[in-house]
């Protein structure tokens, strides 16, 4: 164990990934805060547009990301315990559930687009497309990172695996706040 591993400058995955995570969380928090503020100013329009969203899609996507996050945490556990088969299986399951999220979100996007709910339909849909689109890109990047990690899993350092997991859990965390802001808060 390195001497500085228990310091604030060496959180799991290293300080640089945590700087990125904090910046992303601040960015999404400002976006979600702005959404909620605008919603309070025009509640009727926002509720009307919100009612067009599929709560079922939102709930399933939440399940997919939380399940994926659980298996990513399990991947770290197996890596530390030096259980290679556990690393492979849990990492693959995390990737698959991340792909489920992307697939289902894509279906939702296609449905909204085909129903003419675009970025320019309303303020609500401007927020919907920008916030969920930005999150979608983060999940896509996360899946690509996890796929790369999967290809080198036998050689990956714990610090790099933790950085990947930290980024992945950031995607989970953002969705945990984005989902209720868009789909649930009335």
C-alpha atoms as a PDB file:
ATOM      1  CA  UNK A   1       0.000   0.000   0.000  1.00  0.00           C
ATOM      2  CA  UNK A   2       1.297   3.406  -0.954  1.00  0.00           C
ATOM      3  CA  UNK A   3       1.885   5.880   1.825  1.00  0.00           C
ATOM      4  CA  UNK A   4      -0.415   8.509   0.279  1.00  0.00           C
ATOM      5  CA  UNK A   5      -3.336   6.164  -0.518  1.00  0.00           C
ATOM      6  CA  UNK A   6      -5.312   7.286   2.520  1.00  0.00           C
ATOM      7  CA  UNK A   7      -4.976  10.996   1.821  1.00  0.00           C
ATOM      8  CA  UNK A   8      -7.535  13.303   0.236  1.00  0.00           C
ATOM      9  CA  UNK A   9      -5.219  13.543  -2.768  1.00  0.00           C
ATOM     10  CA  UNK A  10      -5.529   9.849  -3.475  1.00  0.00           C
ATOM     11  CA  UNK A  11      -9.214   8.881  -3.498  1.00  0.00           C
ATOM     12  CA  UNK A  12     -10.200   5.682  -5.329  1.00  0.00           C
ATOM     13  CA  UNK A  13      -9.168   6.115  -8.961  1.00  0.00           C
ATOM     14  CA  UNK A  14      -6.960   9.119  -8.305  1.00  0.00           C
ATOM     15  CA  UNK A  15      -7.590  12.821  -7.838  1.00  0.00           C
ATOM     16  CA  UNK A  16      -7.986  13.669 -11.557  1.00  0.00           C
ATOM     17  CA  UNK A  17     -11.033  11.469 -12.078  1.00  0.00           C
ATOM     18  CA  UNK A  18     -12.606  13.039  -9.000  1.00  0.00           C
ATOM     19  CA  UNK A  19     -12.028  16.533 -10.361  1.00  0.00           C
ATOM     20  CA  UNK A  20     -13.872  15.461 -13.519  1.00  0.00           C
ATOM     21  CA  UNK A  21     -16.654  13.871 -11.470  1.00  0.00           C
ATOM     22  CA  UNK A  22     -17.133  16.971  -9.326  1.00  0.00           C
ATOM     23  CA  UNK A  23     -17.260  19.199 -12.429  1.00  0.00           C
ATOM     24  CA  UNK A  24     -19.801  16.907 -14.083  1.00  0.00           C
ATOM     25  CA  UNK A  25     -21.981  16.753 -10.983  1.00  0.00           C
ATOM     26  CA  UNK A  26     -21.886  20.553 -10.664  1.00  0.00           C
ATOM     27  CA  UNK A  27     -22.807  20.902 -14.354  1.00  0.00           C
ATOM     28  CA  UNK A  28     -25.732  18.482 -14.112  1.00  0.00           C
ATOM     29  CA  UNK A  29     -26.849  20.028 -10.805  1.00  0.00           C
ATOM     30  CA  UNK A  30     -27.028  23.440 -12.451  1.00  0.00           C
ATOM     31  CA  UNK A  31     -28.995  21.971 -15.367  1.00  0.00           C
ATOM     32  CA  UNK A  32     -31.424  20.141 -13.086  1.00  0.00           C
ATOM     33  CA  UNK A  33     -31.749  23.202 -10.864  1.00  0.00           C
ATOM     34  CA  UNK A  34     -32.519  25.351 -13.891  1.00  0.00           C
ATOM     35  CA  UNK A  35     -35.108  22.799 -15.060  1.00  0.00           C
ATOM     36  CA  UNK A  36     -36.850  22.838 -11.683  1.00  0.00           C
ATOM     37  CA  UNK A  37     -36.755  26.632 -11.518  1.00  0.00           C
ATOM     38  CA  UNK A  38     -38.241  27.001 -15.010  1.00  0.00           C
ATOM     39  CA  UNK A  39     -40.822  24.356 -14.156  1.00  0.00           C
ATOM     40  CA  UNK A  40     -41.915  26.373 -11.115  1.00  0.00           C
ATOM     41  CA  UNK A  41     -42.464  29.402 -13.374  1.00  0.00           C
ATOM     42  CA  UNK A  42     -44.567  27.498 -15.919  1.00  0.00           C
ATOM     43  CA  UNK A  43     -45.893  24.466 -14.090  1.00  0.00           C
ATOM     44  CA  UNK A  44     -48.850  23.739 -16.395  1.00  0.00           C
ATOM     45  CA  UNK A  45     -46.757  23.539 -19.582  1.00  0.00           C
ATOM     46  CA  UNK A  46     -44.092  21.442 -17.880  1.00  0.00           C
ATOM     47  CA  UNK A  47     -46.616  19.005 -16.389  1.00  0.00           C
ATOM     48  CA  UNK A  48     -48.351  18.639 -19.757  1.00  0.00           C
ATOM     49  CA  UNK A  49     -45.064  17.821 -21.476  1.00  0.00           C
ATOM     50  CA  UNK A  50     -43.877  15.649 -18.590  1.00  0.00           C
ATOM     51  CA  UNK A  51     -47.018  13.513 -18.945  1.00  0.00           C
ATOM     52  CA  UNK A  52     -45.808  12.438 -22.400  1.00  0.00           C
ATOM     53  CA  UNK A  53     -42.775  10.695 -20.898  1.00  0.00           C
ATOM     54  CA  UNK A  54     -42.890   6.964 -20.273  1.00  0.00           C
ATOM     55  CA  UNK A  55     -42.514   6.307 -16.569  1.00  0.00           C
ATOM     56  CA  UNK A  56     -41.954   2.640 -17.457  1.00  0.00           C
ATOM     57  CA  UNK A  57     -38.912   3.506 -19.590  1.00  0.00           C
ATOM     58  CA  UNK A  58     -37.560   5.750 -16.860  1.00  0.00           C
ATOM     59  CA  UNK A  59     -38.015   3.107 -14.161  1.00  0.00           C
ATOM     60  CA  UNK A  60     -36.437   0.344 -16.235  1.00  0.00           C
ATOM     61  CA  UNK A  61     -33.497   2.575 -17.097  1.00  0.00           C
ATOM     62  CA  UNK A  62     -33.048   3.263 -13.390  1.00  0.00           C
ATOM     63  CA  UNK A  63     -33.034  -0.480 -12.700  1.00  0.00           C
ATOM     64  CA  UNK A  64     -30.532  -1.052 -15.509  1.00  0.00           C
ATOM     65  CA  UNK A  65     -28.089   1.581 -14.239  1.00  0.00           C
ATOM     66  CA  UNK A  66     -28.332   0.593 -10.581  1.00  0.00           C
ATOM     67  CA  UNK A  67     -27.847  -3.069 -11.487  1.00  0.00           C
ATOM     68  CA  UNK A  68     -24.888  -2.178 -13.665  1.00  0.00           C
ATOM     69  CA  UNK A  69     -23.407  -0.088 -10.853  1.00  0.00           C
ATOM     70  CA  UNK A  70     -23.797  -3.003  -8.429  1.00  0.00           C
ATOM     71  CA  UNK A  71     -21.896  -5.318 -10.762  1.00  0.00           C
ATOM     72  CA  UNK A  72     -19.217  -2.662 -11.295  1.00  0.00           C
ATOM     73  CA  UNK A  73     -18.740  -2.493  -7.521  1.00  0.00           C
ATOM     74  CA  UNK A  74     -18.572  -6.288  -7.483  1.00  0.00           C
ATOM     75  CA  UNK A  75     -15.876  -6.099 -10.169  1.00  0.00           C
ATOM     76  CA  UNK A  76     -13.707  -4.001  -7.833  1.00  0.00           C
ATOM     77  CA  UNK A  77     -14.325  -6.475  -5.010  1.00  0.00           C
ATOM     78  CA  UNK A  78     -13.300  -9.426  -7.188  1.00  0.00           C
ATOM     79  CA  UNK A  79     -10.230  -7.591  -8.468  1.00  0.00           C
ATOM     80  CA  UNK A  80      -9.058  -6.882  -4.929  1.00  0.00           C
ATOM     81  CA  UNK A  81      -9.735 -10.519  -3.969  1.00  0.00           C
ATOM     82  CA  UNK A  82      -7.814 -11.639  -7.093  1.00  0.00           C
ATOM     83  CA  UNK A  83     -10.780 -13.643  -8.416  1.00  0.00           C
ATOM     84  CA  UNK A  84     -10.251 -13.260 -12.176  1.00  0.00           C
ATOM     85  CA  UNK A  85     -13.380 -15.121 -13.248  1.00  0.00           C
ATOM     86  CA  UNK A  86     -15.469 -12.926 -10.939  1.00  0.00           C
ATOM     87  CA  UNK A  87     -13.885  -9.813 -12.472  1.00  0.00           C
ATOM     88  CA  UNK A  88     -14.709 -11.025 -15.982  1.00  0.00           C
ATOM     89  CA  UNK A  89     -18.298 -12.017 -15.266  1.00  0.00           C
ATOM     90  CA  UNK A  90     -19.260  -9.016 -13.138  1.00  0.00           C
ATOM     91  CA  UNK A  91     -17.621  -6.537 -15.522  1.00  0.00           C
ATOM     92  CA  UNK A  92     -19.397  -8.114 -18.481  1.00  0.00           C
ATOM     93  CA  UNK A  93     -22.750  -7.930 -16.660  1.00  0.00           C
ATOM     94  CA  UNK A  94     -22.084  -4.254 -15.839  1.00  0.00           C
ATOM     95  CA  UNK A  95     -21.419  -3.597 -19.542  1.00  0.00           C
ATOM     96  CA  UNK A  96     -24.542  -5.479 -20.655  1.00  0.00           C
ATOM     97  CA  UNK A  97     -26.806  -3.524 -18.305  1.00  0.00           C
ATOM     98  CA  UNK A  98     -25.177  -0.284 -19.479  1.00  0.00           C
ATOM     99  CA  UNK A  99     -26.017  -1.316 -23.036  1.00  0.00           C
ATOM    100  CA  UNK A 100     -29.589  -2.112 -21.970  1.00  0.00           C
ATOM    101  CA  UNK A 101     -29.839   1.469 -20.688  1.00  0.00           C
ATOM    102  CA  UNK A 102     -28.528   2.874 -23.987  1.00  0.00           C
ATOM    103  CA  UNK A 103     -30.878   0.679 -26.031  1.00  0.00           C
ATOM    104  CA  UNK A 104     -33.986   1.559 -24.043  1.00  0.00           C
ATOM    105  CA  UNK A 105     -33.097   5.255 -23.983  1.00  0.00           C
ATOM    106  CA  UNK A 106     -32.632   5.104 -27.763  1.00  0.00           C
ATOM    107  CA  UNK A 107     -36.116   3.607 -28.129  1.00  0.00           C
ATOM    108  CA  UNK A 108     -37.496   6.427 -25.996  1.00  0.00           C
ATOM    109  CA  UNK A 109     -35.665   9.008 -28.109  1.00  0.00           C
ATOM    110  CA  UNK A 110     -37.016   7.499 -31.333  1.00  0.00           C
ATOM    111  CA  UNK A 111     -40.547   7.575 -29.930  1.00  0.00           C
ATOM    112  CA  UNK A 112     -40.224  11.199 -28.859  1.00  0.00           C
ATOM    113  CA  UNK A 113     -38.681  12.223 -32.169  1.00  0.00           C
ATOM    114  CA  UNK A 114     -41.377  10.406 -34.191  1.00  0.00           C
ATOM    115  CA  UNK A 115     -44.042  12.126 -32.067  1.00  0.00           C
ATOM    116  CA  UNK A 116     -42.443  15.501 -32.904  1.00  0.00           C
ATOM    117  CA  UNK A 117     -41.228  16.162 -29.362  1.00  0.00           C
ATOM    118  CA  UNK A 118     -37.975  17.812 -30.325  1.00  0.00           C
ATOM    119  CA  UNK A 119     -35.551  20.198 -28.697  1.00  0.00           C
ATOM    120  CA  UNK A 120     -37.709  23.058 -30.012  1.00  0.00           C
ATOM    121  CA  UNK A 121     -41.140  21.741 -28.926  1.00  0.00           C
ATOM    122  CA  UNK A 122     -41.105  23.393 -25.509  1.00  0.00           C
ATOM    123  CA  UNK A 123     -38.833  24.483 -22.686  1.00  0.00           C
ATOM    124  CA  UNK A 124     -39.466  21.132 -21.009  1.00  0.00           C
ATOM    125  CA  UNK A 125     -38.285  19.195 -24.035  1.00  0.00           C
ATOM    126  CA  UNK A 126     -35.278  21.467 -24.444  1.00  0.00           C
ATOM    127  CA  UNK A 127     -34.247  20.405 -20.946  1.00  0.00           C
ATOM    128  CA  UNK A 128     -35.227  16.790 -21.607  1.00  0.00           C
ATOM    129  CA  UNK A 129     -33.115  16.487 -24.748  1.00  0.00           C
ATOM    130  CA  UNK A 130     -30.127  18.418 -23.398  1.00  0.00           C
ATOM    131  CA  UNK A 131     -29.951  16.767 -19.971  1.00  0.00           C
ATOM    132  CA  UNK A 132     -30.757  13.218 -21.034  1.00  0.00           C
ATOM    133  CA  UNK A 133     -28.669  13.583 -24.189  1.00  0.00           C
ATOM    134  CA  UNK A 134     -25.671  14.764 -22.201  1.00  0.00           C
ATOM    135  CA  UNK A 135     -26.217  11.880 -19.773  1.00  0.00           C
ATOM    136  CA  UNK A 136     -26.592   9.421 -22.678  1.00  0.00           C
ATOM    137  CA  UNK A 137     -23.191  10.504 -24.005  1.00  0.00           C
ATOM    138  CA  UNK A 138     -21.684   9.959 -20.550  1.00  0.00           C
ATOM    139  CA  UNK A 139     -23.143   6.450 -20.346  1.00  0.00           C
ATOM    140  CA  UNK A 140     -21.926   5.705 -23.885  1.00  0.00           C
ATOM    141  CA  UNK A 141     -18.416   6.873 -22.984  1.00  0.00           C
ATOM    142  CA  UNK A 142     -18.642   4.833 -19.781  1.00  0.00           C
ATOM    143  CA  UNK A 143     -19.590   1.693 -21.709  1.00  0.00           C
ATOM    144  CA  UNK A 144     -16.678   2.256 -24.094  1.00  0.00           C
ATOM    145  CA  UNK A 145     -14.335   2.655 -21.121  1.00  0.00           C
ATOM    146  CA  UNK A 146     -15.696  -0.523 -19.525  1.00  0.00           C
ATOM    147  CA  UNK A 147     -15.329  -2.412 -22.816  1.00  0.00           C
ATOM    148  CA  UNK A 148     -11.709  -1.308 -22.991  1.00  0.00           C
ATOM    149  CA  UNK A 149     -11.173  -2.366 -19.379  1.00  0.00           C
ATOM    150  CA  UNK A 150     -12.769  -5.721 -20.213  1.00  0.00           C
ATOM    151  CA  UNK A 151     -10.211  -6.292 -22.979  1.00  0.00           C
ATOM    152  CA  UNK A 152      -7.270  -5.656 -20.613  1.00  0.00           C
ATOM    153  CA  UNK A 153      -8.849  -6.842 -17.358  1.00  0.00           C
ATOM    154  CA  UNK A 154      -6.017  -9.268 -16.582  1.00  0.00           C
ATOM    155  CA  UNK A 155      -3.447  -6.479 -16.763  1.00  0.00           C
ATOM    156  CA  UNK A 156      -5.345  -3.517 -15.355  1.00  0.00           C
ATOM    157  CA  UNK A 157      -4.118  -1.733 -12.271  1.00  0.00           C
ATOM    158  CA  UNK A 158      -6.534  -1.260  -9.395  1.00  0.00           C
ATOM    159  CA  UNK A 159      -6.228   2.524  -9.675  1.00  0.00           C
ATOM    160  CA  UNK A 160      -7.357   2.443 -13.321  1.00  0.00           C
ATOM    161  CA  UNK A 161     -10.196   0.050 -12.555  1.00  0.00           C
ATOM    162  CA  UNK A 162     -11.304   2.313  -9.698  1.00  0.00           C
ATOM    163  CA  UNK A 163     -11.181   5.344 -12.006  1.00  0.00           C
ATOM    164  CA  UNK A 164     -13.415   3.523 -14.493  1.00  0.00           C
ATOM    165  CA  UNK A 165     -15.783   2.472 -11.718  1.00  0.00           C
ATOM    166  CA  UNK A 166     -15.883   5.996 -10.304  1.00  0.00           C
ATOM    167  CA  UNK A 167     -16.847   7.403 -13.708  1.00  0.00           C
ATOM    168  CA  UNK A 168     -19.502   4.698 -14.071  1.00  0.00           C
ATOM    169  CA  UNK A 169     -20.958   5.402 -10.637  1.00  0.00           C
ATOM    170  CA  UNK A 170     -21.077   9.103 -11.513  1.00  0.00           C
ATOM    171  CA  UNK A 171     -23.410   8.158 -14.389  1.00  0.00           C
ATOM    172  CA  UNK A 172     -25.576   6.234 -11.901  1.00  0.00           C
ATOM    173  CA  UNK A 173     -25.643   9.131  -9.461  1.00  0.00           C
ATOM    174  CA  UNK A 174     -26.577  11.694 -12.095  1.00  0.00           C
ATOM    175  CA  UNK A 175     -29.436   9.502 -13.326  1.00  0.00           C
ATOM    176  CA  UNK A 176     -30.706   9.066  -9.752  1.00  0.00           C
ATOM    177  CA  UNK A 177     -31.316  12.843  -9.686  1.00  0.00           C
ATOM    178  CA  UNK A 178     -32.202  13.328 -13.350  1.00  0.00           C
ATOM    179  CA  UNK A 179     -34.893  10.633 -13.421  1.00  0.00           C
ATOM    180  CA  UNK A 180     -37.092  12.129 -10.681  1.00  0.00           C
ATOM    181  CA  UNK A 181     -36.544  15.697 -11.901  1.00  0.00           C
ATOM    182  CA  UNK A 182     -37.820  14.826 -15.371  1.00  0.00           C
ATOM    183  CA  UNK A 183     -40.212  11.952 -14.769  1.00  0.00           C
ATOM    184  CA  UNK A 184     -41.550  12.185 -11.206  1.00  0.00           C
ATOM    185  CA  UNK A 185     -41.502  15.652  -9.632  1.00  0.00           C
ATOM    186  CA  UNK A 186     -44.927  17.175 -10.134  1.00  0.00           C
END
